Amino acid sequence: MTVANQSSETDKTSPINWGRILLWIGVILTIIFCLAPVLWQLLTSLKTNESISTIPNVYFPSLDQLTFQHYQSLGWHFLRYVFNSALVSLTSTLLCLGVGAPAAYTLTRLKIPGENVILGFVLIISLFPYVLLFLGLLEIVKFMGLGNNYIALIIPYTAINLPLTILVLRSFFQQLPKDLEDSAKIDGYGTVGMLLQIVVPMTIPALVTTGILTFIFAWNEFIFALTFITREEMYTIPVAVAQIGGASIFEIPYGPIAAATVTGTIPLVILVLMFQRRIVQGITAGAVKG
């Protein structure tokens, strides 16, 4: 009985795990910090103009303060901008993966003279602010007559994202055991067959993770799209959102802008949810490598 009483008293006086409590507080605050702007934008897209401009702000609008009018004001032609962004982003992503994957594999497996120098240049280029390339690219676009052409966006996006693609994929290729490729060659696989049937399927999580990063950059890029494309029917989503105006120069159409932002974000959310499992696998593999 004495031992039981002592054990009971020990359980009652066990110290509070403040570290775990602080951890959960930090997690909750981080989630709120990340989701608050998204939820506020979604709420703004659904509120009437009167409730948007009300002071103090309406954080929990009633049903009569909600409307779909802002989404209706975008019109069906906004889907054209979604298509433009999807076309440019998808093409740029496929080019990045198509060029970056073989380059990364080559730098991983082949002993190329000056390999460290090449990797150093790739790293420097990946850290270079792409905005500084703007004037040079503008002159090239003007000289080659690529204005109002999707190629004027696809090529710069591919070139900007290619160094990051090579570096990320190289780190994943380094995880693949060399013995696996040697065994495939012994079994009669050629180089191309080995790459397509063995290496590429094993690196799909890395390809998906890198492709998502490339796609998101191309989807959200604004400066090049604003300058190189001037025809309205060829606008991408960031440029189209920037062109939304109010009834007068003194009015800021917060509702339509928020609705356009939410509409332009939905494809990215769907894309990430579709490949969520592959993304987690790619990040986990990268963490194990690190």
C-alpha atoms as a PDB file:
ATOM      1  CA  MET A   1       0.000   0.000   0.000  1.00  0.00           C
ATOM      2  CA  THR A   2       2.859   2.345   0.835  1.00  0.00           C
ATOM      3  CA  VAL A   3       4.461   1.767  -2.556  1.00  0.00           C
ATOM      4  CA  ALA A   4       1.125   2.312  -4.320  1.00  0.00           C
ATOM      5  CA  ASN A   5       0.522   5.544  -2.426  1.00  0.00           C
ATOM      6  CA  GLN A   6       3.998   6.810  -3.272  1.00  0.00           C
ATOM      7  CA  SER A   7       3.467   5.971  -6.963  1.00  0.00           C
ATOM      8  CA  SER A   8       0.129   7.785  -6.945  1.00  0.00           C
ATOM      9  CA  GLU A   9       1.647  10.858  -5.343  1.00  0.00           C
ATOM     10  CA  THR A  10       4.471  10.821  -7.893  1.00  0.00           C
ATOM     11  CA  ASP A  11       1.978  10.741 -10.776  1.00  0.00           C
ATOM     12  CA  LYS A  12       0.046  13.646  -9.296  1.00  0.00           C
ATOM     13  CA  THR A  13       3.151  15.764  -8.872  1.00  0.00           C
ATOM     14  CA  SER A  14       4.710  14.965 -12.285  1.00  0.00           C
ATOM     15  CA  PRO A  15       6.083  18.163 -13.856  1.00  0.00           C
ATOM     16  CA  ILE A  16       4.311  19.841 -16.769  1.00  0.00           C
ATOM     17  CA  ASN A  17       6.002  19.289 -20.110  1.00  0.00           C
ATOM     18  CA  TRP A  18       6.454  22.942 -21.010  1.00  0.00           C
ATOM     19  CA  GLY A  19       8.561  22.075 -24.029  1.00  0.00           C
ATOM     20  CA  ARG A  20       5.724  20.157 -25.650  1.00  0.00           C
ATOM     21  CA  ILE A  21       3.239  22.910 -24.810  1.00  0.00           C
ATOM     22  CA  LEU A  22       5.496  25.565 -26.360  1.00  0.00           C
ATOM     23  CA  LEU A  23       5.965  23.339 -29.411  1.00  0.00           C
ATOM     24  CA  TRP A  24       2.228  23.110 -30.012  1.00  0.00           C
ATOM     25  CA  ILE A  25       1.787  26.829 -29.421  1.00  0.00           C
ATOM     26  CA  GLY A  26       4.461  27.488 -32.020  1.00  0.00           C
ATOM     27  CA  VAL A  27       2.814  25.097 -34.489  1.00  0.00           C
ATOM     28  CA  ILE A  28      -0.594  26.727 -34.025  1.00  0.00           C
ATOM     29  CA  LEU A  29       0.814  30.256 -34.404  1.00  0.00           C
ATOM     30  CA  THR A  30       2.705  29.204 -37.544  1.00  0.00           C
ATOM     31  CA  ILE A  31      -0.448  27.739 -39.071  1.00  0.00           C
ATOM     32  CA  ILE A  32      -2.413  30.890 -38.262  1.00  0.00           C
ATOM     33  CA  PHE A  33       0.371  33.073 -39.686  1.00  0.00           C
ATOM     34  CA  CYS A  34       0.398  31.095 -42.943  1.00  0.00           C
ATOM     35  CA  LEU A  35      -3.354  30.692 -43.396  1.00  0.00           C
ATOM     36  CA  ALA A  36      -4.571  34.098 -42.191  1.00  0.00           C
ATOM     37  CA  PRO A  37      -3.750  35.994 -45.448  1.00  0.00           C
ATOM     38  CA  VAL A  38      -5.362  33.232 -47.534  1.00  0.00           C
ATOM     39  CA  LEU A  39      -8.512  33.181 -45.438  1.00  0.00           C
ATOM     40  CA  TRP A  40      -8.694  36.985 -45.457  1.00  0.00           C
ATOM     41  CA  GLN A  41      -8.383  37.056 -49.255  1.00  0.00           C
ATOM     42  CA  LEU A  42     -11.098  34.412 -49.582  1.00  0.00           C
ATOM     43  CA  LEU A  43     -13.343  36.326 -47.195  1.00  0.00           C
ATOM     44  CA  THR A  44     -12.779  39.576 -49.084  1.00  0.00           C
ATOM     45  CA  SER A  45     -13.736  37.916 -52.365  1.00  0.00           C
ATOM     46  CA  LEU A  46     -17.090  36.911 -50.871  1.00  0.00           C
ATOM     47  CA  LYS A  47     -18.003  40.118 -49.024  1.00  0.00           C
ATOM     48  CA  THR A  48     -20.069  42.912 -50.521  1.00  0.00           C
ATOM     49  CA  ASN A  49     -18.392  46.242 -51.293  1.00  0.00           C
ATOM     50  CA  GLU A  50     -20.153  47.851 -48.341  1.00  0.00           C
ATOM     51  CA  SER A  51     -18.878  45.270 -45.857  1.00  0.00           C
ATOM     52  CA  ILE A  52     -15.361  45.485 -47.335  1.00  0.00           C
ATOM     53  CA  SER A  53     -15.190  49.248 -46.788  1.00  0.00           C
ATOM     54  CA  THR A  54     -16.872  49.176 -43.370  1.00  0.00           C
ATOM     55  CA  ILE A  55     -14.853  50.520 -40.445  1.00  0.00           C
ATOM     56  CA  PRO A  56     -14.136  48.663 -38.222  1.00  0.00           C
ATOM     57  CA  ASN A  57     -13.517  45.620 -40.396  1.00  0.00           C
ATOM     58  CA  VAL A  58     -16.138  42.906 -40.627  1.00  0.00           C
ATOM     59  CA  TYR A  59     -14.335  39.688 -39.705  1.00  0.00           C
ATOM     60  CA  PHE A  60     -17.435  37.487 -39.488  1.00  0.00           C
ATOM     61  CA  PRO A  61     -19.920  38.715 -42.115  1.00  0.00           C
ATOM     62  CA  SER A  62     -23.556  37.741 -41.990  1.00  0.00           C
ATOM     63  CA  LEU A  63     -25.304  36.046 -44.900  1.00  0.00           C
ATOM     64  CA  ASP A  64     -26.637  39.329 -46.260  1.00  0.00           C
ATOM     65  CA  GLN A  65     -23.048  40.622 -46.421  1.00  0.00           C
ATOM     66  CA  LEU A  66     -21.886  37.781 -48.686  1.00  0.00           C
ATOM     67  CA  THR A  67     -22.057  37.746 -52.476  1.00  0.00           C
ATOM     68  CA  PHE A  68     -20.667  35.985 -55.555  1.00  0.00           C
ATOM     69  CA  GLN A  69     -20.858  39.164 -57.589  1.00  0.00           C
ATOM     70  CA  HIS A  70     -17.075  39.661 -57.586  1.00  0.00           C
ATOM     71  CA  TYR A  71     -16.541  36.272 -59.201  1.00  0.00           C
ATOM     72  CA  GLN A  72     -19.273  36.959 -61.730  1.00  0.00           C
ATOM     73  CA  SER A  73     -17.663  40.298 -62.617  1.00  0.00           C
ATOM     74  CA  LEU A  74     -14.518  38.475 -63.777  1.00  0.00           C
ATOM     75  CA  GLY A  75     -16.448  36.958 -66.685  1.00  0.00           C
ATOM     76  CA  TRP A  76     -15.683  33.829 -68.651  1.00  0.00           C
ATOM     77  CA  HIS A  77     -12.783  35.547 -70.397  1.00  0.00           C
ATOM     78  CA  PHE A  78     -10.783  35.228 -67.169  1.00  0.00           C
ATOM     79  CA  LEU A  79     -10.519  31.520 -67.943  1.00  0.00           C
ATOM     80  CA  ARG A  80      -8.490  32.563 -70.975  1.00  0.00           C
ATOM     81  CA  TYR A  81      -5.886  34.058 -68.649  1.00  0.00           C
ATOM     82  CA  VAL A  82      -5.856  30.837 -66.645  1.00  0.00           C
ATOM     83  CA  PHE A  83      -5.217  28.919 -69.867  1.00  0.00           C
ATOM     84  CA  ASN A  84      -2.376  31.280 -70.824  1.00  0.00           C
ATOM     85  CA  SER A  85      -0.684  30.832 -67.467  1.00  0.00           C
ATOM     86  CA  ALA A  86      -1.151  27.063 -67.608  1.00  0.00           C
ATOM     87  CA  LEU A  87       0.288  26.840 -71.118  1.00  0.00           C
ATOM     88  CA  VAL A  88       3.379  28.914 -70.336  1.00  0.00           C
ATOM     89  CA  SER A  89       3.995  27.304 -66.946  1.00  0.00           C
ATOM     90  CA  LEU A  90       3.506  23.723 -68.116  1.00  0.00           C
ATOM     91  CA  THR A  91       5.712  24.159 -71.186  1.00  0.00           C
ATOM     92  CA  SER A  92       8.456  25.815 -69.155  1.00  0.00           C
ATOM     93  CA  THR A  93       8.275  23.073 -66.514  1.00  0.00           C
ATOM     94  CA  LEU A  94       8.526  20.265 -69.082  1.00  0.00           C
ATOM     95  CA  LEU A  95      11.494  21.950 -70.746  1.00  0.00           C
ATOM     96  CA  CYS A  96      13.224  22.403 -67.390  1.00  0.00           C
ATOM     97  CA  LEU A  97      12.785  18.756 -66.480  1.00  0.00           C
ATOM     98  CA  GLY A  98      13.639  17.550 -69.995  1.00  0.00           C
ATOM     99  CA  VAL A  99      16.911  19.474 -70.055  1.00  0.00           C
ATOM    100  CA  GLY A 100      17.734  19.552 -66.340  1.00  0.00           C
ATOM    101  CA  ALA A 101      17.308  15.832 -65.620  1.00  0.00           C
ATOM    102  CA  PRO A 102      19.877  14.620 -68.209  1.00  0.00           C
ATOM    103  CA  ALA A 103      22.260  17.414 -67.186  1.00  0.00           C
ATOM    104  CA  ALA A 104      21.946  16.500 -63.512  1.00  0.00           C
ATOM    105  CA  TYR A 105      22.461  12.796 -64.252  1.00  0.00           C
ATOM    106  CA  THR A 106      25.522  13.587 -66.353  1.00  0.00           C
ATOM    107  CA  LEU A 107      27.062  15.686 -63.603  1.00  0.00           C
ATOM    108  CA  THR A 108      26.350  12.893 -61.120  1.00  0.00           C
ATOM    109  CA  ARG A 109      27.617   9.826 -62.977  1.00  0.00           C
ATOM    110  CA  LEU A 110      30.174  11.015 -65.514  1.00  0.00           C
ATOM    111  CA  LYS A 111      33.586  12.257 -64.514  1.00  0.00           C
ATOM    112  CA  ILE A 112      33.686  15.502 -66.456  1.00  0.00           C
ATOM    113  CA  PRO A 113      36.825  17.678 -66.325  1.00  0.00           C
ATOM    114  CA  GLY A 114      36.047  20.839 -64.389  1.00  0.00           C
ATOM    115  CA  GLU A 115      32.897  19.380 -62.840  1.00  0.00           C
ATOM    116  CA  ASN A 116      33.245  21.480 -59.685  1.00  0.00           C
ATOM    117  CA  VAL A 117      33.689  24.614 -61.781  1.00  0.00           C
ATOM    118  CA  ILE A 118      30.506  23.832 -63.716  1.00  0.00           C
ATOM    119  CA  LEU A 119      28.589  23.243 -60.496  1.00  0.00           C
ATOM    120  CA  GLY A 120      29.959  26.481 -59.111  1.00  0.00           C
ATOM    121  CA  PHE A 121      28.693  28.414 -62.124  1.00  0.00           C
ATOM    122  CA  VAL A 122      25.297  26.704 -61.851  1.00  0.00           C
ATOM    123  CA  LEU A 123      25.086  27.679 -58.180  1.00  0.00           C
ATOM    124  CA  ILE A 124      26.072  31.288 -58.878  1.00  0.00           C
ATOM    125  CA  ILE A 125      23.490  31.572 -61.659  1.00  0.00           C
ATOM    126  CA  SER A 126      20.780  30.136 -59.399  1.00  0.00           C
ATOM    127  CA  LEU A 127      21.553  32.835 -56.819  1.00  0.00           C
ATOM    128  CA  PHE A 128      21.623  35.665 -59.377  1.00  0.00           C
ATOM    129  CA  PRO A 129      18.568  37.984 -59.138  1.00  0.00           C
ATOM    130  CA  TYR A 130      16.643  37.358 -62.326  1.00  0.00           C
ATOM    131  CA  VAL A 131      15.242  40.895 -62.298  1.00  0.00           C
ATOM    132  CA  LEU A 132      18.708  42.156 -63.247  1.00  0.00           C
ATOM    133  CA  LEU A 133      18.381  40.236 -66.521  1.00  0.00           C
ATOM    134  CA  PHE A 134      15.321  42.219 -67.473  1.00  0.00           C
ATOM    135  CA  LEU A 135      16.913  44.911 -69.667  1.00  0.00           C
ATOM    136  CA  GLY A 136      19.095  42.425 -71.516  1.00  0.00           C
ATOM    137  CA  LEU A 137      16.158  40.112 -72.183  1.00  0.00           C
ATOM    138  CA  LEU A 138      14.065  43.067 -73.328  1.00  0.00           C
ATOM    139  CA  GLU A 139      16.644  43.947 -75.993  1.00  0.00           C
ATOM    140  CA  ILE A 140      16.820  40.327 -77.133  1.00  0.00           C
ATOM    141  CA  VAL A 141      13.033  40.087 -77.384  1.00  0.00           C
ATOM    142  CA  LYS A 142      12.886  43.305 -79.384  1.00  0.00           C
ATOM    143  CA  PHE A 143      15.732  42.229 -81.688  1.00  0.00           C
ATOM    144  CA  MET A 144      14.201  38.815 -82.406  1.00  0.00           C
ATOM    145  CA  GLY A 145      10.654  40.126 -82.696  1.00  0.00           C
ATOM    146  CA  LEU A 146       9.303  37.873 -79.953  1.00  0.00           C
ATOM    147  CA  GLY A 147       6.995  40.443 -78.407  1.00  0.00           C
ATOM    148  CA  ASN A 148       3.464  39.150 -77.794  1.00  0.00           C
ATOM    149  CA  ASN A 149       4.712  35.603 -78.163  1.00  0.00           C
ATOM    150  CA  TYR A 150       4.552  32.899 -75.521  1.00  0.00           C
ATOM    151  CA  ILE A 151       8.133  31.966 -76.389  1.00  0.00           C
ATOM    152  CA  ALA A 152       9.250  35.292 -74.920  1.00  0.00           C
ATOM    153  CA  LEU A 153       8.086  33.965 -71.538  1.00  0.00           C
ATOM    154  CA  ILE A 154       8.793  30.250 -71.878  1.00  0.00           C
ATOM    155  CA  ILE A 155      12.504  30.579 -72.702  1.00  0.00           C
ATOM    156  CA  PRO A 156      13.374  33.019 -69.845  1.00  0.00           C
ATOM    157  CA  TYR A 157      11.353  31.001 -67.324  1.00  0.00           C
ATOM    158  CA  THR A 158      13.148  27.828 -68.406  1.00  0.00           C
ATOM    159  CA  ALA A 159      16.571  29.452 -68.236  1.00  0.00           C
ATOM    160  CA  ILE A 160      15.920  30.968 -64.802  1.00  0.00           C
ATOM    161  CA  ASN A 161      14.657  27.709 -63.275  1.00  0.00           C
ATOM    162  CA  LEU A 162      17.146  25.394 -64.965  1.00  0.00           C
ATOM    163  CA  PRO A 163      20.033  25.876 -62.461  1.00  0.00           C
ATOM    164  CA  LEU A 164      17.773  25.094 -59.504  1.00  0.00           C
ATOM    165  CA  THR A 165      16.390  22.062 -61.354  1.00  0.00           C
ATOM    166  CA  ILE A 166      19.896  20.719 -62.012  1.00  0.00           C
ATOM    167  CA  LEU A 167      21.035  21.188 -58.412  1.00  0.00           C
ATOM    168  CA  VAL A 168      17.945  19.597 -56.873  1.00  0.00           C
ATOM    169  CA  LEU A 169      17.855  16.617 -59.240  1.00  0.00           C
ATOM    170  CA  ARG A 170      21.591  16.041 -58.885  1.00  0.00           C
ATOM    171  CA  SER A 171      21.188  15.603 -55.141  1.00  0.00           C
ATOM    172  CA  PHE A 172      18.539  12.937 -55.763  1.00  0.00           C
ATOM    173  CA  PHE A 173      20.555  11.136 -58.437  1.00  0.00           C
ATOM    174  CA  GLN A 174      23.414  10.900 -55.963  1.00  0.00           C
ATOM    175  CA  GLN A 175      21.187   8.797 -53.703  1.00  0.00           C
ATOM    176  CA  LEU A 176      20.660   6.118 -56.335  1.00  0.00           C
ATOM    177  CA  PRO A 177      23.069   3.209 -55.848  1.00  0.00           C
ATOM    178  CA  LYS A 178      25.508   2.795 -58.726  1.00  0.00           C
ATOM    179  CA  ASP A 179      25.291  -0.994 -58.349  1.00  0.00           C
ATOM    180  CA  LEU A 180      21.671  -0.879 -59.493  1.00  0.00           C
ATOM    181  CA  GLU A 181      22.677   0.616 -62.821  1.00  0.00           C
ATOM    182  CA  ASP A 182      25.552  -1.838 -63.198  1.00  0.00           C
ATOM    183  CA  SER A 183      23.141  -4.733 -62.621  1.00  0.00           C
ATOM    184  CA  ALA A 184      20.789  -3.335 -65.251  1.00  0.00           C
ATOM    185  CA  LYS A 185      23.604  -3.203 -67.795  1.00  0.00           C
ATOM    186  CA  ILE A 186      24.528  -6.811 -66.982  1.00  0.00           C
ATOM    187  CA  ASP A 187      20.880  -7.788 -67.590  1.00  0.00           C
ATOM    188  CA  GLY A 188      21.142  -6.330 -71.083  1.00  0.00           C
ATOM    189  CA  TYR A 189      19.683  -2.867 -70.671  1.00  0.00           C
ATOM    190  CA  GLY A 190      21.119  -0.160 -72.877  1.00  0.00           C
ATOM    191  CA  THR A 191      21.816   3.299 -71.530  1.00  0.00           C
ATOM    192  CA  VAL A 192      18.532   4.786 -72.774  1.00  0.00           C
ATOM    193  CA  GLY A 193      16.478   1.787 -71.653  1.00  0.00           C
ATOM    194  CA  MET A 194      18.111   1.805 -68.244  1.00  0.00           C
ATOM    195  CA  LEU A 195      17.380   5.498 -67.781  1.00  0.00           C
ATOM    196  CA  LEU A 196      13.748   5.290 -68.926  1.00  0.00           C
ATOM    197  CA  GLN A 197      12.786   2.025 -67.224  1.00  0.00           C
ATOM    198  CA  ILE A 198      14.840   2.084 -64.030  1.00  0.00           C
ATOM    199  CA  VAL A 199      16.345   5.467 -63.152  1.00  0.00           C
ATOM    200  CA  VAL A 200      13.462   7.771 -64.093  1.00  0.00           C
ATOM    201  CA  PRO A 201      10.719   5.778 -62.259  1.00  0.00           C
ATOM    202  CA  MET A 202      12.838   5.844 -59.100  1.00  0.00           C
ATOM    203  CA  THR A 203      13.268   9.621 -59.291  1.00  0.00           C
ATOM    204  CA  ILE A 204       9.607  10.525 -59.951  1.00  0.00           C
ATOM    205  CA  PRO A 205       9.196  12.125 -56.478  1.00  0.00           C
ATOM    206  CA  ALA A 206      12.197  14.349 -57.193  1.00  0.00           C
ATOM    207  CA  LEU A 207      10.883  15.233 -60.643  1.00  0.00           C
ATOM    208  CA  VAL A 208       7.460  16.096 -59.225  1.00  0.00           C
ATOM    209  CA  THR A 209       8.902  18.217 -56.419  1.00  0.00           C
ATOM    210  CA  THR A 210      11.183  20.134 -58.768  1.00  0.00           C
ATOM    211  CA  GLY A 211       8.446  20.472 -61.366  1.00  0.00           C
ATOM    212  CA  ILE A 212       6.038  21.970 -58.821  1.00  0.00           C
ATOM    213  CA  LEU A 213       8.617  24.599 -57.815  1.00  0.00           C
ATOM    214  CA  THR A 214       9.243  25.482 -61.461  1.00  0.00           C
ATOM    215  CA  PHE A 215       5.538  25.586 -62.261  1.00  0.00           C
ATOM    216  CA  ILE A 216       4.723  27.884 -59.338  1.00  0.00           C
ATOM    217  CA  PHE A 217       7.481  30.336 -60.307  1.00  0.00           C
ATOM    218  CA  ALA A 218       6.268  30.522 -63.905  1.00  0.00           C
ATOM    219  CA  TRP A 219       2.638  30.819 -62.761  1.00  0.00           C
ATOM    220  CA  ASN A 220       3.344  33.762 -60.448  1.00  0.00           C
ATOM    221  CA  GLU A 221       5.965  35.670 -62.478  1.00  0.00           C
ATOM    222  CA  PHE A 222       4.875  39.223 -63.241  1.00  0.00           C
ATOM    223  CA  ILE A 223       7.625  41.537 -64.574  1.00  0.00           C
ATOM    224  CA  PHE A 224       8.457  39.629 -67.769  1.00  0.00           C
ATOM    225  CA  ALA A 225       4.806  38.838 -68.483  1.00  0.00           C
ATOM    226  CA  LEU A 226       3.828  42.486 -68.062  1.00  0.00           C
ATOM    227  CA  THR A 227       6.567  43.755 -70.384  1.00  0.00           C
ATOM    228  CA  PHE A 228       6.829  41.128 -73.109  1.00  0.00           C
ATOM    229  CA  ILE A 229       3.070  40.576 -73.557  1.00  0.00           C
ATOM    230  CA  THR A 230       0.877  43.565 -74.380  1.00  0.00           C
ATOM    231  CA  ARG A 231      -2.088  41.887 -76.101  1.00  0.00           C
ATOM    232  CA  GLU A 232      -4.913  41.488 -73.617  1.00  0.00           C
ATOM    233  CA  GLU A 233      -5.985  38.041 -74.821  1.00  0.00           C
ATOM    234  CA  MET A 234      -2.457  36.741 -74.090  1.00  0.00           C
ATOM    235  CA  TYR A 235      -2.205  38.041 -70.516  1.00  0.00           C
ATOM    236  CA  THR A 236      -1.236  35.652 -67.756  1.00  0.00           C
ATOM    237  CA  ILE A 237      -3.062  35.701 -64.426  1.00  0.00           C
ATOM    238  CA  PRO A 238      -0.725  38.104 -62.520  1.00  0.00           C
ATOM    239  CA  VAL A 239      -0.948  40.677 -65.326  1.00  0.00           C
ATOM    240  CA  ALA A 240      -4.700  40.231 -65.699  1.00  0.00           C
ATOM    241  CA  VAL A 241      -5.208  40.791 -61.968  1.00  0.00           C
ATOM    242  CA  ALA A 242      -3.086  43.940 -62.100  1.00  0.00           C
ATOM    243  CA  GLN A 243      -5.282  45.308 -64.913  1.00  0.00           C
ATOM    244  CA  ILE A 244      -8.519  45.071 -62.920  1.00  0.00           C
ATOM    245  CA  GLY A 245      -9.820  48.573 -62.339  1.00  0.00           C
ATOM    246  CA  GLY A 246     -12.629  50.192 -60.411  1.00  0.00           C
ATOM    247  CA  ALA A 247     -15.513  52.351 -61.550  1.00  0.00           C
ATOM    248  CA  SER A 248     -13.255  55.398 -61.198  1.00  0.00           C
ATOM    249  CA  ILE A 249      -9.596  56.164 -60.669  1.00  0.00           C
ATOM    250  CA  PHE A 250     -10.354  56.751 -56.995  1.00  0.00           C
ATOM    251  CA  GLU A 251     -11.825  53.294 -56.406  1.00  0.00           C
ATOM    252  CA  ILE A 252      -9.763  50.210 -55.612  1.00  0.00           C
ATOM    253  CA  PRO A 253     -11.762  47.077 -56.539  1.00  0.00           C
ATOM    254  CA  TYR A 254     -10.728  44.953 -53.571  1.00  0.00           C
ATOM    255  CA  GLY A 255     -13.512  42.424 -54.164  1.00  0.00           C
ATOM    256  CA  PRO A 256     -12.766  41.598 -57.833  1.00  0.00           C
ATOM    257  CA  ILE A 257      -9.011  41.559 -57.163  1.00  0.00           C
ATOM    258  CA  ALA A 258      -9.498  39.120 -54.297  1.00  0.00           C
ATOM    259  CA  ALA A 259     -11.809  36.970 -56.431  1.00  0.00           C
ATOM    260  CA  ALA A 260      -9.264  36.900 -59.267  1.00  0.00           C
ATOM    261  CA  THR A 261      -6.498  35.993 -56.819  1.00  0.00           C
ATOM    262  CA  VAL A 262      -8.509  33.117 -55.369  1.00  0.00           C
ATOM    263  CA  THR A 263      -9.454  31.881 -58.840  1.00  0.00           C
ATOM    264  CA  GLY A 264      -5.825  31.969 -59.924  1.00  0.00           C
ATOM    265  CA  THR A 265      -4.708  30.103 -56.826  1.00  0.00           C
ATOM    266  CA  ILE A 266      -7.191  27.233 -57.119  1.00  0.00           C
ATOM    267  CA  PRO A 267      -5.274  25.445 -59.946  1.00  0.00           C
ATOM    268  CA  LEU A 268      -2.087  25.533 -57.852  1.00  0.00           C
ATOM    269  CA  VAL A 269      -3.909  24.084 -54.849  1.00  0.00           C
ATOM    270  CA  ILE A 270      -5.380  21.306 -56.993  1.00  0.00           C
ATOM    271  CA  LEU A 271      -1.964  20.587 -58.505  1.00  0.00           C
ATOM    272  CA  VAL A 272      -0.291  20.305 -55.110  1.00  0.00           C
ATOM    273  CA  LEU A 273      -3.075  18.108 -53.723  1.00  0.00           C
ATOM    274  CA  MET A 274      -2.855  15.796 -56.734  1.00  0.00           C
ATOM    275  CA  PHE A 275       0.874  15.238 -56.262  1.00  0.00           C
ATOM    276  CA  GLN A 276       0.958  15.624 -52.492  1.00  0.00           C
ATOM    277  CA  ARG A 277       2.189  12.089 -51.898  1.00  0.00           C
ATOM    278  CA  ARG A 278       5.011  12.410 -54.422  1.00  0.00           C
ATOM    279  CA  ILE A 279       6.029  15.785 -53.004  1.00  0.00           C
ATOM    280  CA  VAL A 280       6.274  14.360 -49.484  1.00  0.00           C
ATOM    281  CA  GLN A 281       8.345  11.458 -50.787  1.00  0.00           C
ATOM    282  CA  GLY A 282      10.687  13.845 -52.577  1.00  0.00           C
ATOM    283  CA  ILE A 283      11.108  16.114 -49.556  1.00  0.00           C
ATOM    284  CA  THR A 284      11.650  13.133 -47.258  1.00  0.00           C
ATOM    285  CA  ALA A 285      14.285  11.682 -49.551  1.00  0.00           C
ATOM    286  CA  GLY A 286      16.039  15.049 -49.719  1.00  0.00           C
ATOM    287  CA  ALA A 287      15.987  15.334 -45.929  1.00  0.00           C
ATOM    288  CA  VAL A 288      17.475  11.847 -45.552  1.00  0.00           C
ATOM    289  CA  LYS A 289      20.189  12.803 -48.028  1.00  0.00           C
ATOM    290  CA  GLY A 290      20.923  15.983 -46.076  1.00  0.00           C
END
